[in-house]
N, C-alpha and C. Protein backbone atom coordinates (compact mmCIF):
# COMPACT_ATOMS: atom_id res chain seq x y z
N MET A 1 -14.20 1.50 10.93
CA MET A 1 -13.20 1.33 9.88
C MET A 1 -11.82 1.68 10.44
N VAL A 2 -10.83 0.95 9.97
CA VAL A 2 -9.44 1.26 10.29
C VAL A 2 -8.73 1.63 9.00
N GLN A 3 -7.76 2.53 9.11
CA GLN A 3 -7.01 2.96 7.94
C GLN A 3 -5.52 2.81 8.22
N ALA A 4 -4.76 2.67 7.14
CA ALA A 4 -3.30 2.62 7.25
C ALA A 4 -2.69 3.13 5.96
N TYR A 5 -1.53 3.72 6.11
CA TYR A 5 -0.71 4.10 4.96
C TYR A 5 0.32 3.01 4.75
N ILE A 6 0.52 2.62 3.51
CA ILE A 6 1.55 1.65 3.19
C ILE A 6 2.60 2.39 2.37
N LEU A 7 3.82 2.41 2.88
CA LEU A 7 4.94 3.03 2.17
C LEU A 7 5.67 1.92 1.43
N ILE A 8 5.84 2.09 0.13
CA ILE A 8 6.34 1.01 -0.71
C ILE A 8 7.61 1.41 -1.46
N GLN A 9 8.60 0.54 -1.41
CA GLN A 9 9.78 0.67 -2.25
C GLN A 9 9.62 -0.33 -3.39
N THR A 10 9.98 0.11 -4.59
CA THR A 10 9.84 -0.75 -5.76
C THR A 10 11.19 -0.97 -6.44
N GLU A 11 11.22 -1.91 -7.34
CA GLU A 11 12.38 -2.07 -8.21
C GLU A 11 12.49 -0.82 -9.08
N VAL A 12 13.68 -0.53 -9.52
CA VAL A 12 13.91 0.66 -10.35
C VAL A 12 13.01 0.60 -11.59
N GLY A 13 12.30 1.71 -11.84
CA GLY A 13 11.44 1.81 -13.01
C GLY A 13 10.09 1.13 -12.89
N LYS A 14 9.74 0.61 -11.72
CA LYS A 14 8.48 -0.14 -11.56
C LYS A 14 7.40 0.62 -10.79
N ALA A 15 7.66 1.85 -10.35
CA ALA A 15 6.71 2.57 -9.50
C ALA A 15 5.35 2.75 -10.18
N ARG A 16 5.35 3.14 -11.43
CA ARG A 16 4.07 3.38 -12.13
C ARG A 16 3.27 2.08 -12.24
N GLU A 17 3.93 1.02 -12.62
CA GLU A 17 3.25 -0.28 -12.77
C GLU A 17 2.69 -0.76 -11.42
N VAL A 18 3.49 -0.63 -10.37
CA VAL A 18 3.05 -1.03 -9.03
C VAL A 18 1.85 -0.19 -8.60
N ALA A 19 1.93 1.12 -8.78
CA ALA A 19 0.83 2.02 -8.38
C ALA A 19 -0.45 1.68 -9.12
N THR A 20 -0.35 1.42 -10.41
CA THR A 20 -1.53 1.08 -11.21
C THR A 20 -2.16 -0.22 -10.73
N THR A 21 -1.34 -1.21 -10.48
CA THR A 21 -1.84 -2.51 -10.02
C THR A 21 -2.51 -2.39 -8.66
N ILE A 22 -1.87 -1.70 -7.73
CA ILE A 22 -2.41 -1.57 -6.39
C ILE A 22 -3.72 -0.77 -6.40
N GLY A 23 -3.84 0.17 -7.30
CA GLY A 23 -5.07 0.96 -7.39
C GLY A 23 -6.31 0.12 -7.65
N GLY A 24 -6.14 -1.08 -8.17
CA GLY A 24 -7.27 -1.97 -8.44
C GLY A 24 -7.63 -2.91 -7.31
N ILE A 25 -6.94 -2.82 -6.19
CA ILE A 25 -7.20 -3.72 -5.07
C ILE A 25 -8.31 -3.15 -4.19
N ALA A 26 -9.27 -3.99 -3.84
CA ALA A 26 -10.37 -3.56 -2.95
C ALA A 26 -9.80 -3.13 -1.61
N GLY A 27 -10.28 -2.00 -1.12
CA GLY A 27 -9.80 -1.46 0.15
C GLY A 27 -8.76 -0.37 -0.01
N VAL A 28 -8.26 -0.20 -1.22
CA VAL A 28 -7.31 0.88 -1.49
C VAL A 28 -8.10 2.15 -1.76
N VAL A 29 -7.82 3.19 -0.98
CA VAL A 29 -8.53 4.46 -1.08
C VAL A 29 -7.80 5.41 -2.03
N ARG A 30 -6.47 5.43 -1.93
CA ARG A 30 -5.68 6.36 -2.73
C ARG A 30 -4.28 5.79 -2.94
N VAL A 31 -3.72 6.05 -4.12
CA VAL A 31 -2.36 5.62 -4.45
C VAL A 31 -1.63 6.81 -5.04
N ASP A 32 -0.43 7.09 -4.52
CA ASP A 32 0.38 8.18 -5.05
C ASP A 32 1.81 7.71 -5.27
N ALA A 33 2.38 8.05 -6.42
CA ALA A 33 3.81 7.88 -6.65
C ALA A 33 4.48 9.10 -6.03
N VAL A 34 5.55 8.88 -5.29
CA VAL A 34 6.21 9.97 -4.56
C VAL A 34 7.73 9.91 -4.78
N THR A 35 8.40 10.99 -4.36
CA THR A 35 9.86 11.00 -4.38
C THR A 35 10.36 10.78 -2.97
N GLY A 36 11.62 10.43 -2.85
CA GLY A 36 12.22 10.17 -1.54
C GLY A 36 12.55 8.71 -1.37
N PRO A 37 12.67 8.26 -0.13
CA PRO A 37 13.08 6.86 0.10
C PRO A 37 12.03 5.83 -0.30
N TYR A 38 10.77 6.27 -0.45
CA TYR A 38 9.72 5.37 -0.90
C TYR A 38 9.25 5.82 -2.27
N ASP A 39 8.71 4.89 -3.04
CA ASP A 39 8.29 5.17 -4.41
C ASP A 39 6.78 5.34 -4.56
N VAL A 40 6.03 4.65 -3.72
CA VAL A 40 4.57 4.67 -3.79
C VAL A 40 4.03 4.72 -2.36
N VAL A 41 3.01 5.56 -2.14
CA VAL A 41 2.32 5.62 -0.85
C VAL A 41 0.85 5.30 -1.10
N VAL A 42 0.32 4.39 -0.29
CA VAL A 42 -1.05 3.90 -0.47
C VAL A 42 -1.85 4.13 0.81
N LEU A 43 -3.04 4.68 0.68
CA LEU A 43 -3.97 4.78 1.81
C LEU A 43 -4.97 3.64 1.66
N THR A 44 -5.10 2.84 2.71
CA THR A 44 -6.02 1.70 2.68
C THR A 44 -7.01 1.82 3.83
N GLU A 45 -8.14 1.12 3.69
CA GLU A 45 -9.07 1.02 4.81
C GLU A 45 -9.76 -0.34 4.79
N ALA A 46 -10.14 -0.77 5.97
CA ALA A 46 -10.81 -2.06 6.13
C ALA A 46 -11.71 -1.98 7.36
N HIS A 47 -12.55 -2.98 7.53
CA HIS A 47 -13.49 -2.99 8.65
C HIS A 47 -12.79 -3.21 9.99
N ASN A 48 -11.68 -3.96 9.98
CA ASN A 48 -10.94 -4.19 11.22
C ASN A 48 -9.47 -4.46 10.90
N VAL A 49 -8.66 -4.53 11.95
CA VAL A 49 -7.22 -4.71 11.77
C VAL A 49 -6.90 -6.04 11.10
N ASP A 50 -7.63 -7.09 11.44
CA ASP A 50 -7.36 -8.39 10.84
C ASP A 50 -7.60 -8.36 9.33
N GLU A 51 -8.71 -7.74 8.91
CA GLU A 51 -9.02 -7.63 7.49
C GLU A 51 -7.94 -6.80 6.77
N LEU A 52 -7.50 -5.74 7.41
CA LEU A 52 -6.45 -4.90 6.84
C LEU A 52 -5.17 -5.69 6.67
N GLY A 53 -4.79 -6.44 7.69
CA GLY A 53 -3.58 -7.26 7.61
C GLY A 53 -3.64 -8.29 6.52
N LYS A 54 -4.80 -8.94 6.37
CA LYS A 54 -4.95 -9.94 5.31
C LYS A 54 -4.81 -9.31 3.93
N MET A 55 -5.38 -8.11 3.75
CA MET A 55 -5.27 -7.44 2.46
C MET A 55 -3.81 -7.12 2.15
N ILE A 56 -3.09 -6.63 3.13
CA ILE A 56 -1.70 -6.24 2.91
C ILE A 56 -0.85 -7.46 2.57
N VAL A 57 -0.99 -8.52 3.35
CA VAL A 57 -0.15 -9.70 3.16
C VAL A 57 -0.55 -10.50 1.92
N SER A 58 -1.84 -10.67 1.68
CA SER A 58 -2.27 -11.56 0.60
C SER A 58 -2.47 -10.85 -0.74
N LYS A 59 -2.52 -9.51 -0.75
CA LYS A 59 -2.75 -8.82 -2.01
C LYS A 59 -1.65 -7.81 -2.32
N VAL A 60 -1.44 -6.85 -1.45
CA VAL A 60 -0.49 -5.77 -1.74
C VAL A 60 0.94 -6.30 -1.86
N GLN A 61 1.38 -7.07 -0.89
CA GLN A 61 2.77 -7.52 -0.89
C GLN A 61 3.09 -8.50 -2.01
N LEU A 62 2.09 -9.03 -2.66
CA LEU A 62 2.32 -9.97 -3.77
C LEU A 62 2.40 -9.28 -5.12
N VAL A 63 2.22 -7.96 -5.17
CA VAL A 63 2.29 -7.24 -6.44
C VAL A 63 3.72 -7.29 -6.95
N PRO A 64 3.92 -7.72 -8.20
CA PRO A 64 5.27 -7.78 -8.77
C PRO A 64 5.92 -6.39 -8.80
N GLY A 65 7.20 -6.33 -8.48
CA GLY A 65 7.95 -5.08 -8.52
C GLY A 65 8.16 -4.45 -7.16
N ILE A 66 7.45 -4.93 -6.13
CA ILE A 66 7.63 -4.39 -4.78
C ILE A 66 8.82 -5.07 -4.13
N THR A 67 9.69 -4.26 -3.52
CA THR A 67 10.84 -4.82 -2.80
C THR A 67 10.68 -4.73 -1.28
N ARG A 68 9.91 -3.73 -0.80
CA ARG A 68 9.73 -3.58 0.64
C ARG A 68 8.50 -2.74 0.93
N THR A 69 7.82 -3.06 2.03
CA THR A 69 6.67 -2.26 2.46
C THR A 69 6.82 -1.90 3.94
N LEU A 70 6.24 -0.77 4.30
CA LEU A 70 6.16 -0.35 5.69
C LEU A 70 4.73 0.15 5.91
N THR A 71 4.02 -0.46 6.88
CA THR A 71 2.64 -0.11 7.13
C THR A 71 2.53 0.78 8.36
N CYS A 72 1.83 1.90 8.22
CA CYS A 72 1.65 2.86 9.31
C CYS A 72 0.15 3.02 9.56
N SER A 73 -0.31 2.54 10.71
CA SER A 73 -1.71 2.64 11.06
C SER A 73 -2.09 4.08 11.38
N VAL A 74 -3.29 4.47 10.97
CA VAL A 74 -3.81 5.79 11.28
C VAL A 74 -4.41 5.74 12.68
N VAL A 75 -4.07 6.73 13.51
CA VAL A 75 -4.66 6.84 14.84
C VAL A 75 -5.40 8.16 14.93
N HIS A 76 -6.45 8.18 15.68
CA HIS A 76 -7.26 9.40 15.85
C HIS A 76 -7.04 9.90 17.28
N LEU A 77 -6.26 10.95 17.41
CA LEU A 77 -5.90 11.49 18.73
C LEU A 77 -6.89 12.51 19.21
């Protein structure tokens, strides 16, 4: 399994709606609304990097209210 954190910026006032919607996507492990430069942080997992990329591009990034995403892959040192 591969994991990644997705840092999400939303339109003003849309963080709760975005977090709720993303929470229903398969492969999403955890969703948190946060303060700071990002509004929502999501932990995702998939069987491989390709599957993870497809989920991010075809599902997460299409959620209404998202203005920008930054994906950070988890590494095991």
